[in-house]
């Protein structure tokens, strides 16, 4: 009987010694919009490459103490001069398990590491969407989520001091 009692305490001890764990439960397209308002004129192969404005936003919310939904929002707007060539808006989501992280690291995990994992998949969706709209595939450069997070925190700090 004493062997069973000693063995019963082992899973709790192992759980307590378990290190931080980040796991992707699932990922998905939450919203996708592709607009090609000036087709077929905007698809003229003699037009120069369009200029592209890019917007990126990350949002996260806790669903349970260990499960978080992270949304990577990307908007790309391409123009030939003043005319819009295309607009792509994507909300790419992921459900993540974040376990055994210190509380002060949770925000950085949700706003830096999780979007870093989602980005290559969102990049592919945007590339495929622009190609399917008749344009050259839009290949997004890697995004510095740590830099975006630092800029966001600095902006929040300045707003708090004002």
C-alpha atoms as a PDB file:
ATOM      1  CA  UNK A   1       0.000   0.000   0.000  1.00  0.00           C
ATOM      2  CA  UNK A   2       2.796   2.431   0.734  1.00  0.00           C
ATOM      3  CA  UNK A   3       4.113   1.898  -2.819  1.00  0.00           C
ATOM      4  CA  UNK A   4       0.784   3.033  -4.296  1.00  0.00           C
ATOM      5  CA  UNK A   5       0.698   6.109  -2.089  1.00  0.00           C
ATOM      6  CA  UNK A   6       4.226   7.076  -3.101  1.00  0.00           C
ATOM      7  CA  UNK A   7       3.378   6.494  -6.764  1.00  0.00           C
ATOM      8  CA  UNK A   8       0.219   8.560  -6.501  1.00  0.00           C
ATOM      9  CA  UNK A   9       2.234  11.673  -5.681  1.00  0.00           C
ATOM     10  CA  UNK A  10       4.592  11.297  -8.633  1.00  0.00           C
ATOM     11  CA  UNK A  11       2.424  12.902 -11.395  1.00  0.00           C
ATOM     12  CA  UNK A  12       1.953  16.066  -9.325  1.00  0.00           C
ATOM     13  CA  UNK A  13       5.683  16.280  -8.695  1.00  0.00           C
ATOM     14  CA  UNK A  14       6.412  15.784 -12.404  1.00  0.00           C
ATOM     15  CA  UNK A  15       3.809  18.411 -13.302  1.00  0.00           C
ATOM     16  CA  UNK A  16       5.372  20.893 -10.887  1.00  0.00           C
ATOM     17  CA  UNK A  17       8.841  20.326 -12.388  1.00  0.00           C
ATOM     18  CA  UNK A  18       7.585  20.595 -15.966  1.00  0.00           C
ATOM     19  CA  UNK A  19       9.048  23.579 -17.788  1.00  0.00           C
ATOM     20  CA  UNK A  20       7.185  26.180 -19.838  1.00  0.00           C
ATOM     21  CA  UNK A  21       5.244  24.763 -22.771  1.00  0.00           C
ATOM     22  CA  UNK A  22       3.909  26.496 -25.880  1.00  0.00           C
ATOM     23  CA  UNK A  23       1.714  24.378 -28.119  1.00  0.00           C
ATOM     24  CA  UNK A  24      -0.452  25.153 -31.144  1.00  0.00           C
ATOM     25  CA  UNK A  25      -3.898  23.649 -30.715  1.00  0.00           C
ATOM     26  CA  UNK A  26      -5.174  24.854 -34.094  1.00  0.00           C
ATOM     27  CA  UNK A  27      -4.769  27.666 -36.608  1.00  0.00           C
ATOM     28  CA  UNK A  28      -7.276  29.055 -39.066  1.00  0.00           C
ATOM     29  CA  UNK A  29      -8.361  31.821 -41.411  1.00  0.00           C
ATOM     30  CA  UNK A  30     -10.858  33.850 -39.423  1.00  0.00           C
ATOM     31  CA  UNK A  31     -11.523  36.463 -42.109  1.00  0.00           C
ATOM     32  CA  UNK A  32     -10.173  37.001 -45.602  1.00  0.00           C
ATOM     33  CA  UNK A  33     -11.073  39.722 -48.068  1.00  0.00           C
ATOM     34  CA  UNK A  34      -9.512  40.277 -51.474  1.00  0.00           C
ATOM     35  CA  UNK A  35     -10.587  43.244 -53.564  1.00  0.00           C
ATOM     36  CA  UNK A  36      -9.568  43.880 -57.146  1.00  0.00           C
ATOM     37  CA  UNK A  37     -11.685  46.996 -57.804  1.00  0.00           C
ATOM     38  CA  UNK A  38     -10.145  48.147 -61.081  1.00  0.00           C
ATOM     39  CA  UNK A  39      -9.826  44.826 -62.883  1.00  0.00           C
ATOM     40  CA  UNK A  40      -9.125  44.207 -65.659  1.00  0.00           C
ATOM     41  CA  UNK A  41      -7.417  47.589 -66.097  1.00  0.00           C
ATOM     42  CA  UNK A  42      -5.233  47.037 -63.011  1.00  0.00           C
ATOM     43  CA  UNK A  43      -3.985  43.720 -64.441  1.00  0.00           C
ATOM     44  CA  UNK A  44      -2.265  45.289 -67.461  1.00  0.00           C
ATOM     45  CA  UNK A  45       1.197  43.674 -67.626  1.00  0.00           C
ATOM     46  CA  UNK A  46       2.690  46.951 -68.889  1.00  0.00           C
ATOM     47  CA  UNK A  47       1.927  48.713 -65.604  1.00  0.00           C
ATOM     48  CA  UNK A  48       4.870  49.134 -63.231  1.00  0.00           C
ATOM     49  CA  UNK A  49       4.891  47.147 -60.017  1.00  0.00           C
ATOM     50  CA  UNK A  50       2.397  48.682 -57.579  1.00  0.00           C
ATOM     51  CA  UNK A  51       3.423  50.366 -54.352  1.00  0.00           C
ATOM     52  CA  UNK A  52       2.191  48.439 -51.332  1.00  0.00           C
ATOM     53  CA  UNK A  53       1.139  49.823 -47.958  1.00  0.00           C
ATOM     54  CA  UNK A  54       1.174  47.228 -45.202  1.00  0.00           C
ATOM     55  CA  UNK A  55      -0.555  47.266 -41.831  1.00  0.00           C
ATOM     56  CA  UNK A  56      -0.029  44.648 -39.122  1.00  0.00           C
ATOM     57  CA  UNK A  57      -1.849  44.220 -35.834  1.00  0.00           C
ATOM     58  CA  UNK A  58      -1.820  41.479 -33.216  1.00  0.00           C
ATOM     59  CA  UNK A  59      -4.625  40.798 -30.768  1.00  0.00           C
ATOM     60  CA  UNK A  60      -4.799  38.134 -28.095  1.00  0.00           C
ATOM     61  CA  UNK A  61      -7.362  37.054 -25.553  1.00  0.00           C
ATOM     62  CA  UNK A  62      -7.436  34.408 -22.865  1.00  0.00           C
ATOM     63  CA  UNK A  63     -10.098  31.753 -23.329  1.00  0.00           C
ATOM     64  CA  UNK A  64      -9.011  29.812 -20.222  1.00  0.00           C
ATOM     65  CA  UNK A  65      -6.023  30.350 -17.923  1.00  0.00           C
ATOM     66  CA  UNK A  66      -3.882  28.270 -20.331  1.00  0.00           C
ATOM     67  CA  UNK A  67      -5.627  28.668 -23.726  1.00  0.00           C
ATOM     68  CA  UNK A  68      -5.221  31.834 -25.753  1.00  0.00           C
ATOM     69  CA  UNK A  69      -6.608  32.954 -29.089  1.00  0.00           C
ATOM     70  CA  UNK A  70      -4.103  35.053 -31.006  1.00  0.00           C
ATOM     71  CA  UNK A  71      -5.136  36.944 -34.139  1.00  0.00           C
ATOM     72  CA  UNK A  72      -2.652  38.229 -36.673  1.00  0.00           C
ATOM     73  CA  UNK A  73      -4.303  40.968 -38.746  1.00  0.00           C
ATOM     74  CA  UNK A  74      -2.597  41.958 -41.979  1.00  0.00           C
ATOM     75  CA  UNK A  75      -3.828  44.529 -44.478  1.00  0.00           C
ATOM     76  CA  UNK A  76      -2.026  45.136 -47.763  1.00  0.00           C
ATOM     77  CA  UNK A  77      -3.136  47.874 -50.139  1.00  0.00           C
ATOM     78  CA  UNK A  78      -1.435  48.122 -53.542  1.00  0.00           C
ATOM     79  CA  UNK A  79      -1.700  51.157 -55.801  1.00  0.00           C
ATOM     80  CA  UNK A  80      -0.660  52.182 -59.279  1.00  0.00           C
ATOM     81  CA  UNK A  81      -0.328  55.918 -58.714  1.00  0.00           C
ATOM     82  CA  UNK A  82      -3.672  56.982 -57.259  1.00  0.00           C
ATOM     83  CA  UNK A  83      -5.616  53.936 -58.444  1.00  0.00           C
ATOM     84  CA  UNK A  84      -6.039  50.933 -56.203  1.00  0.00           C
ATOM     85  CA  UNK A  85      -4.698  47.725 -57.700  1.00  0.00           C
ATOM     86  CA  UNK A  86      -5.780  45.408 -54.884  1.00  0.00           C
ATOM     87  CA  UNK A  87      -6.603  45.264 -51.189  1.00  0.00           C
ATOM     88  CA  UNK A  88      -6.061  42.143 -49.109  1.00  0.00           C
ATOM     89  CA  UNK A  89      -7.241  41.940 -45.513  1.00  0.00           C
ATOM     90  CA  UNK A  90      -6.535  38.810 -43.505  1.00  0.00           C
ATOM     91  CA  UNK A  91      -7.277  37.831 -39.930  1.00  0.00           C
ATOM     92  CA  UNK A  92      -5.324  34.651 -39.291  1.00  0.00           C
ATOM     93  CA  UNK A  93      -5.944  33.083 -35.916  1.00  0.00           C
ATOM     94  CA  UNK A  94      -4.406  30.479 -33.735  1.00  0.00           C
ATOM     95  CA  UNK A  95      -5.414  28.772 -30.537  1.00  0.00           C
ATOM     96  CA  UNK A  96      -2.404  28.235 -28.281  1.00  0.00           C
ATOM     97  CA  UNK A  97      -1.734  26.361 -25.081  1.00  0.00           C
ATOM     98  CA  UNK A  98       0.630  28.335 -22.845  1.00  0.00           C
ATOM     99  CA  UNK A  99       1.508  26.350 -19.760  1.00  0.00           C
ATOM    100  CA  UNK A 100       3.893  26.963 -16.854  1.00  0.00           C
ATOM    101  CA  UNK A 101       5.039  30.411 -18.006  1.00  0.00           C
ATOM    102  CA  UNK A 102       5.606  33.162 -15.445  1.00  0.00           C
ATOM    103  CA  UNK A 103       2.675  35.584 -15.454  1.00  0.00           C
ATOM    104  CA  UNK A 104       4.883  38.472 -16.593  1.00  0.00           C
ATOM    105  CA  UNK A 105       5.913  36.485 -19.716  1.00  0.00           C
ATOM    106  CA  UNK A 106       2.393  35.699 -20.932  1.00  0.00           C
ATOM    107  CA  UNK A 107       1.878  38.989 -22.782  1.00  0.00           C
ATOM    108  CA  UNK A 108       5.198  38.650 -24.612  1.00  0.00           C
ATOM    109  CA  UNK A 109       4.391  35.058 -25.567  1.00  0.00           C
ATOM    110  CA  UNK A 110       0.989  36.074 -26.969  1.00  0.00           C
ATOM    111  CA  UNK A 111       2.198  39.210 -28.741  1.00  0.00           C
ATOM    112  CA  UNK A 112       5.610  38.040 -30.024  1.00  0.00           C
ATOM    113  CA  UNK A 113       6.059  34.269 -30.116  1.00  0.00           C
ATOM    114  CA  UNK A 114       2.546  33.220 -31.152  1.00  0.00           C
ATOM    115  CA  UNK A 115       2.335  35.661 -34.106  1.00  0.00           C
ATOM    116  CA  UNK A 116       5.848  34.615 -35.105  1.00  0.00           C
ATOM    117  CA  UNK A 117       4.540  31.048 -35.418  1.00  0.00           C
ATOM    118  CA  UNK A 118       1.418  32.141 -37.342  1.00  0.00           C
ATOM    119  CA  UNK A 119       3.168  34.517 -39.749  1.00  0.00           C
ATOM    120  CA  UNK A 120       4.528  32.033 -42.342  1.00  0.00           C
ATOM    121  CA  UNK A 121       1.047  30.571 -42.803  1.00  0.00           C
ATOM    122  CA  UNK A 122      -0.586  34.001 -43.072  1.00  0.00           C
ATOM    123  CA  UNK A 123       2.135  35.029 -45.526  1.00  0.00           C
ATOM    124  CA  UNK A 124       1.258  32.063 -47.737  1.00  0.00           C
ATOM    125  CA  UNK A 125      -2.470  32.909 -47.650  1.00  0.00           C
ATOM    126  CA  UNK A 126      -1.733  36.473 -48.777  1.00  0.00           C
ATOM    127  CA  UNK A 127       0.656  35.291 -51.491  1.00  0.00           C
ATOM    128  CA  UNK A 128      -1.887  32.796 -52.823  1.00  0.00           C
ATOM    129  CA  UNK A 129      -4.730  35.336 -52.647  1.00  0.00           C
ATOM    130  CA  UNK A 130      -2.914  38.021 -54.615  1.00  0.00           C
ATOM    131  CA  UNK A 131      -1.811  35.448 -57.194  1.00  0.00           C
ATOM    132  CA  UNK A 132      -5.389  34.179 -57.513  1.00  0.00           C
ATOM    133  CA  UNK A 133      -6.541  37.785 -57.988  1.00  0.00           C
ATOM    134  CA  UNK A 134      -4.352  37.992 -61.107  1.00  0.00           C
ATOM    135  CA  UNK A 135      -1.295  39.767 -59.660  1.00  0.00           C
ATOM    136  CA  UNK A 136       2.221  38.637 -58.950  1.00  0.00           C
ATOM    137  CA  UNK A 137       2.171  36.914 -55.551  1.00  0.00           C
ATOM    138  CA  UNK A 138       2.762  39.405 -52.736  1.00  0.00           C
ATOM    139  CA  UNK A 139       5.691  38.024 -50.737  1.00  0.00           C
ATOM    140  CA  UNK A 140       5.752  39.730 -47.353  1.00  0.00           C
ATOM    141  CA  UNK A 141       9.104  40.299 -45.697  1.00  0.00           C
ATOM    142  CA  UNK A 142       9.557  38.829 -42.227  1.00  0.00           C
ATOM    143  CA  UNK A 143       8.009  40.939 -39.457  1.00  0.00           C
ATOM    144  CA  UNK A 144       9.857  41.894 -36.274  1.00  0.00           C
ATOM    145  CA  UNK A 145       7.114  41.191 -33.737  1.00  0.00           C
ATOM    146  CA  UNK A 146       9.479  41.930 -30.836  1.00  0.00           C
ATOM    147  CA  UNK A 147      10.149  45.382 -32.317  1.00  0.00           C
ATOM    148  CA  UNK A 148       6.431  46.020 -32.856  1.00  0.00           C
ATOM    149  CA  UNK A 149       5.754  44.986 -29.265  1.00  0.00           C
ATOM    150  CA  UNK A 150       8.518  47.257 -27.947  1.00  0.00           C
ATOM    151  CA  UNK A 151       7.186  50.205 -29.996  1.00  0.00           C
ATOM    152  CA  UNK A 152       3.664  49.532 -28.717  1.00  0.00           C
ATOM    153  CA  UNK A 153       4.892  49.466 -25.103  1.00  0.00           C
ATOM    154  CA  UNK A 154       6.872  52.682 -25.626  1.00  0.00           C
ATOM    155  CA  UNK A 155       3.826  54.386 -27.127  1.00  0.00           C
ATOM    156  CA  UNK A 156       1.688  53.212 -24.197  1.00  0.00           C
ATOM    157  CA  UNK A 157       4.277  54.572 -21.778  1.00  0.00           C
ATOM    158  CA  UNK A 158       4.299  57.975 -23.477  1.00  0.00           C
ATOM    159  CA  UNK A 159       0.507  58.104 -23.482  1.00  0.00           C
ATOM    160  CA  UNK A 160       0.486  57.268 -19.767  1.00  0.00           C
ATOM    161  CA  UNK A 161       2.931  60.097 -19.007  1.00  0.00           C
ATOM    162  CA  UNK A 162       0.980  62.695 -21.001  1.00  0.00           C
END
